[in-house]
Amino acid sequence: MSGHAFARLMSVDETAARYDFGVSEDGPDRGTLVIPVSDPASWRVEGENPSPHLADVVLGKAVTLLRRTGRWPENASVYTG
């Protein structure tokens, strides 16, 4: 089964990284994934997005790229095919 999760970095500061995410790049069901810098596992979703699964997929991609590069990625979109 394939799937998409589009995610773009909105902001990052000393407390958290925030990603706009959803099933499509500009679809109506979007939310904001908030990833605390000190404890990424305590992430939360703000907004109307009903899919914590999508948020979890984006979290995995963002944290993996952070560990590789030392920076929060601008794009944490995922395609599984």
PDB file of N, CA and C in Angstrom:
ATOM      1  N   MET A   1       0.838  -1.171   0.000  1.00  0.00           N
ATOM      2  CA  MET A   1       0.000   0.000   0.000  1.00  0.00           C
ATOM      3  C   MET A   1       0.887   1.239   0.000  1.00  0.00           C
ATOM      4  N   SER A   2       0.562   2.187  -0.846  1.00  0.00           N
ATOM      5  CA  SER A   2       1.370   3.395  -0.916  1.00  0.00           C
ATOM      6  C   SER A   2       0.628   4.554  -0.273  1.00  0.00           C
ATOM      7  N   GLY A   3       1.384   5.581   0.056  1.00  0.00           N
ATOM      8  CA  GLY A   3       0.777   6.744   0.675  1.00  0.00           C
ATOM      9  C   GLY A   3       1.667   7.958   0.531  1.00  0.00           C
ATOM     10  N   HIS A   4       1.074   9.090   0.786  1.00  0.00           N
ATOM     11  CA  HIS A   4       1.778  10.366   0.713  1.00  0.00           C
ATOM     12  C   HIS A   4       1.566  11.125   2.015  1.00  0.00           C
ATOM     13  N   ALA A   5       2.566  11.853   2.402  1.00  0.00           N
ATOM     14  CA  ALA A   5       2.444  12.827   3.482  1.00  0.00           C
ATOM     15  C   ALA A   5       3.309  14.010   3.067  1.00  0.00           C
ATOM     16  N   PHE A   6       2.679  15.135   2.814  1.00  0.00           N
ATOM     17  CA  PHE A   6       3.402  16.341   2.440  1.00  0.00           C
ATOM     18  C   PHE A   6       3.653  17.169   3.691  1.00  0.00           C
ATOM     19  N   ALA A   7       4.877  17.649   3.837  1.00  0.00           N
ATOM     20  CA  ALA A   7       5.214  18.438   5.024  1.00  0.00           C
ATOM     21  C   ALA A   7       6.284  19.463   4.699  1.00  0.00           C
ATOM     22  N   ARG A   8       6.039  20.692   5.128  1.00  0.00           N
ATOM     23  CA  ARG A   8       6.984  21.795   4.942  1.00  0.00           C
ATOM     24  C   ARG A   8       7.233  22.469   6.286  1.00  0.00           C
ATOM     25  N   LEU A   9       8.496  22.779   6.532  1.00  0.00           N
ATOM     26  CA  LEU A   9       8.881  23.469   7.766  1.00  0.00           C
ATOM     27  C   LEU A   9       8.278  24.865   7.777  1.00  0.00           C
ATOM     28  N   MET A  10       7.552  25.171   8.832  1.00  0.00           N
ATOM     29  CA  MET A  10       6.961  26.503   8.998  1.00  0.00           C
ATOM     30  C   MET A  10       7.887  27.391   9.810  1.00  0.00           C
ATOM     31  N   SER A  11       8.393  26.827  10.917  1.00  0.00           N
ATOM     32  CA  SER A  11       9.272  27.597  11.791  1.00  0.00           C
ATOM     33  C   SER A  11      10.043  26.645  12.695  1.00  0.00           C
ATOM     34  N   VAL A  12      11.133  27.151  13.209  1.00  0.00           N
ATOM     35  CA  VAL A  12      11.905  26.406  14.203  1.00  0.00           C
ATOM     36  C   VAL A  12      12.537  27.434  15.141  1.00  0.00           C
ATOM     37  N   ASP A  13      12.496  27.118  16.428  1.00  0.00           N
ATOM     38  CA  ASP A  13      13.145  27.967  17.423  1.00  0.00           C
ATOM     39  C   ASP A  13      13.782  27.056  18.465  1.00  0.00           C
ATOM     40  N   GLU A  14      14.193  27.605  19.584  1.00  0.00           N
ATOM     41  CA  GLU A  14      14.894  26.796  20.592  1.00  0.00           C
ATOM     42  C   GLU A  14      13.981  25.776  21.274  1.00  0.00           C
ATOM     43  N   THR A  15      12.661  25.927  21.133  1.00  0.00           N
ATOM     44  CA  THR A  15      11.746  25.001  21.804  1.00  0.00           C
ATOM     45  C   THR A  15      11.148  23.943  20.886  1.00  0.00           C
ATOM     46  N   ALA A  16      10.874  24.287  19.602  1.00  0.00           N
ATOM     47  CA  ALA A  16      10.176  23.334  18.742  1.00  0.00           C
ATOM     48  C   ALA A  16      10.354  23.649  17.260  1.00  0.00           C
ATOM     49  N   ALA A  17      10.196  22.592  16.455  1.00  0.00           N
ATOM     50  CA  ALA A  17      10.072  22.728  15.005  1.00  0.00           C
ATOM     51  C   ALA A  17       8.601  22.532  14.672  1.00  0.00           C
ATOM     52  N   ARG A  18       8.099  23.309  13.737  1.00  0.00           N
ATOM     53  CA  ARG A  18       6.688  23.223  13.348  1.00  0.00           C
ATOM     54  C   ARG A  18       6.580  22.969  11.850  1.00  0.00           C
ATOM     55  N   TYR A  19       5.807  21.940  11.514  1.00  0.00           N
ATOM     56  CA  TYR A  19       5.608  21.559  10.120  1.00  0.00           C
ATOM     57  C   TYR A  19       4.137  21.642   9.752  1.00  0.00           C
ATOM     58  N   ASP A  20       3.859  22.261   8.619  1.00  0.00           N
ATOM     59  CA  ASP A  20       2.543  22.211   8.005  1.00  0.00           C
ATOM     60  C   ASP A  20       2.502  20.877   7.263  1.00  0.00           C
ATOM     61  N   PHE A  21       1.464  20.043   7.503  1.00  0.00           N
ATOM     62  CA  PHE A  21       1.437  18.729   6.874  1.00  0.00           C
ATOM     63  C   PHE A  21       0.016  18.317   6.521  1.00  0.00           C
ATOM     64  N   GLY A  22      -0.058  17.353   5.613  1.00  0.00           N
ATOM     65  CA  GLY A  22      -1.344  16.808   5.208  1.00  0.00           C
ATOM     66  C   GLY A  22      -1.175  15.750   4.137  1.00  0.00           C
ATOM     67  N   VAL A  23      -2.290  15.230   3.657  1.00  0.00           N
ATOM     68  CA  VAL A  23      -2.267  14.190   2.633  1.00  0.00           C
ATOM     69  C   VAL A  23      -1.813  14.761   1.292  1.00  0.00           C
ATOM     70  N   SER A  24      -2.209  15.986   1.012  1.00  0.00           N
ATOM     71  CA  SER A  24      -1.788  16.627  -0.236  1.00  0.00           C
ATOM     72  C   SER A  24      -1.141  17.967   0.089  1.00  0.00           C
ATOM     73  N   GLU A  25      -0.407  18.460  -0.876  1.00  0.00           N
ATOM     74  CA  GLU A  25       0.377  19.672  -0.647  1.00  0.00           C
ATOM     75  C   GLU A  25      -0.469  20.887  -0.303  1.00  0.00           C
ATOM     76  N   ASP A  26      -1.655  20.969  -0.872  1.00  0.00           N
ATOM     77  CA  ASP A  26      -2.491  22.134  -0.601  1.00  0.00           C
ATOM     78  C   ASP A  26      -3.939  21.767  -0.299  1.00  0.00           C
ATOM     79  N   GLY A  27      -4.163  20.548   0.153  1.00  0.00           N
ATOM     80  CA  GLY A  27      -5.515  20.091   0.461  1.00  0.00           C
ATOM     81  C   GLY A  27      -6.069  20.715   1.727  1.00  0.00           C
ATOM     82  N   PRO A  28      -7.348  20.520   1.950  1.00  0.00           N
ATOM     83  CA  PRO A  28      -8.013  21.155   3.082  1.00  0.00           C
ATOM     84  C   PRO A  28      -7.713  20.515   4.443  1.00  0.00           C
ATOM     85  N   ASP A  29      -7.353  19.255   4.466  1.00  0.00           N
ATOM     86  CA  ASP A  29      -7.129  18.552   5.737  1.00  0.00           C
ATOM     87  C   ASP A  29      -5.678  18.656   6.158  1.00  0.00           C
ATOM     88  N   ARG A  30      -5.297  19.830   6.607  1.00  0.00           N
ATOM     89  CA  ARG A  30      -3.917  20.064   7.004  1.00  0.00           C
ATOM     90  C   ARG A  30      -3.856  20.342   8.498  1.00  0.00           C
ATOM     91  N   GLY A  31      -2.708  20.127   9.052  1.00  0.00           N
ATOM     92  CA  GLY A  31      -2.495  20.420  10.456  1.00  0.00           C
ATOM     93  C   GLY A  31      -1.084  20.931  10.657  1.00  0.00           C
ATOM     94  N   THR A  32      -0.759  21.238  11.882  1.00  0.00           N
ATOM     95  CA  THR A  32       0.590  21.657  12.233  1.00  0.00           C
ATOM     96  C   THR A  32       1.171  20.634  13.198  1.00  0.00           C
ATOM     97  N   LEU A  33       2.265  20.028  12.786  1.00  0.00           N
ATOM     98  CA  LEU A  33       2.998  19.090  13.626  1.00  0.00           C
ATOM     99  C   LEU A  33       4.011  19.891  14.431  1.00  0.00           C
ATOM    100  N   VAL A  34       3.919  19.813  15.741  1.00  0.00           N
ATOM    101  CA  VAL A  34       4.844  20.514  16.628  1.00  0.00           C
ATOM    102  C   VAL A  34       5.765  19.473  17.248  1.00  0.00           C
ATOM    103  N   ILE A  35       7.074  19.601  16.984  1.00  0.00           N
ATOM    104  CA  ILE A  35       8.067  18.643  17.482  1.00  0.00           C
ATOM    105  C   ILE A  35       8.962  19.357  18.482  1.00  0.00           C
ATOM    106  N   PRO A  36       8.807  19.062  19.781  1.00  0.00           N
ATOM    107  CA  PRO A  36       9.681  19.689  20.776  1.00  0.00           C
ATOM    108  C   PRO A  36      11.146  19.298  20.558  1.00  0.00           C
ATOM    109  N   VAL A  37      12.025  20.264  20.561  1.00  0.00           N
ATOM    110  CA  VAL A  37      13.447  20.023  20.335  1.00  0.00           C
ATOM    111  C   VAL A  37      14.023  19.107  21.407  1.00  0.00           C
ATOM    112  N   SER A  38      13.634  19.297  22.655  1.00  0.00           N
ATOM    113  CA  SER A  38      14.210  18.516  23.754  1.00  0.00           C
ATOM    114  C   SER A  38      13.660  17.096  23.846  1.00  0.00           C
ATOM    115  N   ASP A  39      12.497  16.835  23.248  1.00  0.00           N
ATOM    116  CA  ASP A  39      11.881  15.507  23.332  1.00  0.00           C
ATOM    117  C   ASP A  39      10.960  15.273  22.133  1.00  0.00           C
ATOM    118  N   PRO A  40      11.540  14.941  20.969  1.00  0.00           N
ATOM    119  CA  PRO A  40      10.712  14.763  19.776  1.00  0.00           C
ATOM    120  C   PRO A  40       9.582  13.740  19.937  1.00  0.00           C
ATOM    121  N   ALA A  41       9.741  12.775  20.817  1.00  0.00           N
ATOM    122  CA  ALA A  41       8.696  11.761  21.010  1.00  0.00           C
ATOM    123  C   ALA A  41       7.426  12.338  21.628  1.00  0.00           C
ATOM    124  N   SER A  42       7.489  13.548  22.170  1.00  0.00           N
ATOM    125  CA  SER A  42       6.296  14.155  22.769  1.00  0.00           C
ATOM    126  C   SER A  42       5.614  15.127  21.795  1.00  0.00           C
ATOM    127  N   TRP A  43       5.692  14.815  20.499  1.00  0.00           N
ATOM    128  CA  TRP A  43       5.085  15.659  19.465  1.00  0.00           C
ATOM    129  C   TRP A  43       3.580  15.771  19.659  1.00  0.00           C
ATOM    130  N   ARG A  44       3.028  16.800  19.029  1.00  0.00           N
ATOM    131  CA  ARG A  44       1.573  16.996  19.065  1.00  0.00           C
ATOM    132  C   ARG A  44       1.126  17.630  17.757  1.00  0.00           C
ATOM    133  N   VAL A  45      -0.164  17.537  17.490  1.00  0.00           N
ATOM    134  CA  VAL A  45      -0.742  18.124  16.289  1.00  0.00           C
ATOM    135  C   VAL A  45      -1.675  19.246  16.690  1.00  0.00           C
ATOM    136  N   GLU A  46      -1.525  20.380  16.024  1.00  0.00           N
ATOM    137  CA  GLU A  46      -2.437  21.507  16.200  1.00  0.00           C
ATOM    138  C   GLU A  46      -3.233  21.653  14.910  1.00  0.00           C
ATOM    139  N   GLY A  47      -4.464  22.051  15.016  1.00  0.00           N
ATOM    140  CA  GLY A  47      -5.284  22.264  13.827  1.00  0.00           C
ATOM    141  C   GLY A  47      -6.275  21.150  13.608  1.00  0.00           C
ATOM    142  N   GLU A  48      -6.770  21.072  12.401  1.00  0.00           N
ATOM    143  CA  GLU A  48      -7.887  20.196  12.076  1.00  0.00           C
ATOM    144  C   GLU A  48      -7.487  18.841  11.528  1.00  0.00           C
ATOM    145  N   ASN A  49      -6.218  18.586  11.278  1.00  0.00           N
ATOM    146  CA  ASN A  49      -5.828  17.331  10.645  1.00  0.00           C
ATOM    147  C   ASN A  49      -6.195  16.146  11.525  1.00  0.00           C
ATOM    148  N   PRO A  50      -6.988  15.220  11.007  1.00  0.00           N
ATOM    149  CA  PRO A  50      -7.460  14.108  11.801  1.00  0.00           C
ATOM    150  C   PRO A  50      -6.510  12.904  11.827  1.00  0.00           C
ATOM    151  N   SER A  51      -5.351  12.990  11.204  1.00  0.00           N
ATOM    152  CA  SER A  51      -4.511  11.810  11.050  1.00  0.00           C
ATOM    153  C   SER A  51      -3.218  11.870  11.848  1.00  0.00           C
ATOM    154  N   PRO A  52      -3.211  11.312  13.045  1.00  0.00           N
ATOM    155  CA  PRO A  52      -1.949  11.246  13.777  1.00  0.00           C
ATOM    156  C   PRO A  52      -0.947  10.317  13.088  1.00  0.00           C
ATOM    157  N   HIS A  53      -1.446   9.372  12.279  1.00  0.00           N
ATOM    158  CA  HIS A  53      -0.526   8.498  11.538  1.00  0.00           C
ATOM    159  C   HIS A  53       0.343   9.308  10.588  1.00  0.00           C
ATOM    160  N   LEU A  54      -0.265  10.227   9.849  1.00  0.00           N
ATOM    161  CA  LEU A  54       0.519  11.079   8.949  1.00  0.00           C
ATOM    162  C   LEU A  54       1.549  11.887   9.723  1.00  0.00           C
ATOM    163  N   ALA A  55       1.152  12.424  10.852  1.00  0.00           N
ATOM    164  CA  ALA A  55       2.075  13.202  11.680  1.00  0.00           C
ATOM    165  C   ALA A  55       3.255  12.343  12.121  1.00  0.00           C
ATOM    166  N   ASP A  56       2.992  11.106  12.490  1.00  0.00           N
ATOM    167  CA  ASP A  56       4.040  10.195  12.935  1.00  0.00           C
ATOM    168  C   ASP A  56       5.013   9.876  11.797  1.00  0.00           C
ATOM    169  N   VAL A  57       4.495   9.719  10.580  1.00  0.00           N
ATOM    170  CA  VAL A  57       5.341   9.470   9.407  1.00  0.00           C
ATOM    171  C   VAL A  57       6.242  10.671   9.142  1.00  0.00           C
ATOM    172  N   VAL A  58       5.670  11.863   9.192  1.00  0.00           N
ATOM    173  CA  VAL A  58       6.445  13.090   8.983  1.00  0.00           C
ATOM    174  C   VAL A  58       7.492  13.240  10.090  1.00  0.00           C
ATOM    175  N   LEU A  59       7.116  12.970  11.320  1.00  0.00           N
ATOM    176  CA  LEU A  59       8.059  13.026  12.438  1.00  0.00           C
ATOM    177  C   LEU A  59       9.271  12.146  12.160  1.00  0.00           C
ATOM    178  N   GLY A  60       9.025  10.910  11.729  1.00  0.00           N
ATOM    179  CA  GLY A  60      10.121   9.991  11.445  1.00  0.00           C
ATOM    180  C   GLY A  60      11.073  10.532  10.401  1.00  0.00           C
ATOM    181  N   LYS A  61      10.529  11.081   9.330  1.00  0.00           N
ATOM    182  CA  LYS A  61      11.366  11.638   8.264  1.00  0.00           C
ATOM    183  C   LYS A  61      12.145  12.851   8.767  1.00  0.00           C
ATOM    184  N   ALA A  62      11.477  13.752   9.470  1.00  0.00           N
ATOM    185  CA  ALA A  62      12.130  14.972   9.952  1.00  0.00           C
ATOM    186  C   ALA A  62      13.269  14.651  10.918  1.00  0.00           C
ATOM    187  N   VAL A  63      13.021  13.750  11.855  1.00  0.00           N
ATOM    188  CA  VAL A  63      14.046  13.413  12.852  1.00  0.00           C
ATOM    189  C   VAL A  63      15.215  12.665  12.200  1.00  0.00           C
ATOM    190  N   THR A  64      14.927  11.782  11.249  1.00  0.00           N
ATOM    191  CA  THR A  64      15.998  11.078  10.529  1.00  0.00           C
ATOM    192  C   THR A  64      16.907  12.071   9.808  1.00  0.00           C
ATOM    193  N   LEU A  65      16.303  13.029   9.096  1.00  0.00           N
ATOM    194  CA  LEU A  65      17.107  14.024   8.384  1.00  0.00           C
ATOM    195  C   LEU A  65      17.834  14.961   9.343  1.00  0.00           C
ATOM    196  N   LEU A  66      17.207  15.298  10.460  1.00  0.00           N
ATOM    197  CA  LEU A  66      17.879  16.114  11.485  1.00  0.00           C
ATOM    198  C   LEU A  66      19.136  15.418  11.979  1.00  0.00           C
ATOM    199  N   ARG A  67      19.032  14.141  12.256  1.00  0.00           N
ATOM    200  CA  ARG A  67      20.196  13.383  12.754  1.00  0.00           C
ATOM    201  C   ARG A  67      21.303  13.290  11.711  1.00  0.00           C
ATOM    202  N   ARG A  68      20.925  13.195  10.440  1.00  0.00           N
ATOM    203  CA  ARG A  68      21.925  13.108   9.362  1.00  0.00           C
ATOM    204  C   ARG A  68      22.622  14.433   9.108  1.00  0.00           C
ATOM    205  N   THR A  69      21.860  15.533   9.151  1.00  0.00           N
ATOM    206  CA  THR A  69      22.396  16.824   8.710  1.00  0.00           C
ATOM    207  C   THR A  69      22.649  17.822   9.825  1.00  0.00           C
ATOM    208  N   GLY A  70      22.019  17.608  10.985  1.00  0.00           N
ATOM    209  CA  GLY A  70      22.140  18.572  12.071  1.00  0.00           C
ATOM    210  C   GLY A  70      21.182  19.746  11.957  1.00  0.00           C
ATOM    211  N   ARG A  71      20.301  19.717  10.945  1.00  0.00           N
ATOM    212  CA  ARG A  71      19.324  20.796  10.734  1.00  0.00           C
ATOM    213  C   ARG A  71      17.947  20.185  10.517  1.00  0.00           C
ATOM    214  N   TRP A  72      16.918  20.903  10.956  1.00  0.00           N
ATOM    215  CA  TRP A  72      15.555  20.485  10.651  1.00  0.00           C
ATOM    216  C   TRP A  72      15.358  20.651   9.154  1.00  0.00           C
ATOM    217  N   PRO A  73      14.866  19.631   8.453  1.00  0.00           N
ATOM    218  CA  PRO A  73      14.710  19.752   7.004  1.00  0.00           C
ATOM    219  C   PRO A  73      13.570  20.686   6.618  1.00  0.00           C
ATOM    220  N   GLU A  74      13.769  21.422   5.537  1.00  0.00           N
ATOM    221  CA  GLU A  74      12.703  22.292   5.007  1.00  0.00           C
ATOM    222  C   GLU A  74      11.535  21.451   4.510  1.00  0.00           C
ATOM    223  N   ASN A  75      11.830  20.281   3.958  1.00  0.00           N
ATOM    224  CA  ASN A  75      10.827  19.408   3.388  1.00  0.00           C
ATOM    225  C   ASN A  75      10.922  18.046   4.066  1.00  0.00           C
ATOM    226  N   ALA A  76       9.847  17.630   4.716  1.00  0.00           N
ATOM    227  CA  ALA A  76       9.812  16.314   5.355  1.00  0.00           C
ATOM    228  C   ALA A  76       8.700  15.467   4.738  1.00  0.00           C
ATOM    229  N   SER A  77       8.429  15.702   3.460  1.00  0.00           N
ATOM    230  CA  SER A  77       7.399  14.953   2.757  1.00  0.00           C
ATOM    231  C   SER A  77       7.841  13.506   2.574  1.00  0.00           C
ATOM    232  N   VAL A  78       6.863  12.601   2.522  1.00  0.00           N
ATOM    233  CA  VAL A  78       7.148  11.174   2.427  1.00  0.00           C
ATOM    234  C   VAL A  78       6.248  10.561   1.366  1.00  0.00           C
ATOM    235  N   TYR A  79       6.820   9.691   0.555  1.00  0.00           N
ATOM    236  CA  TYR A  79       6.040   8.867  -0.364  1.00  0.00           C
ATOM    237  C   TYR A  79       6.437   7.418  -0.125  1.00  0.00           C
ATOM    238  N   THR A  80       5.474   6.590   0.158  1.00  0.00           N
ATOM    239  CA  THR A  80       5.733   5.167   0.303  1.00  0.00           C
ATOM    240  C   THR A  80       5.040   4.453  -0.842  1.00  0.00           C
ATOM    241  N   GLY A  81       5.763   3.749  -1.622  1.00  0.00           N
ATOM    242  CA  GLY A  81       5.175   3.138  -2.796  1.00  0.00           C
ATOM    243  C   GLY A  81       5.460   1.729  -2.989  1.00  0.00           C
TER     244      GLY A  81
END
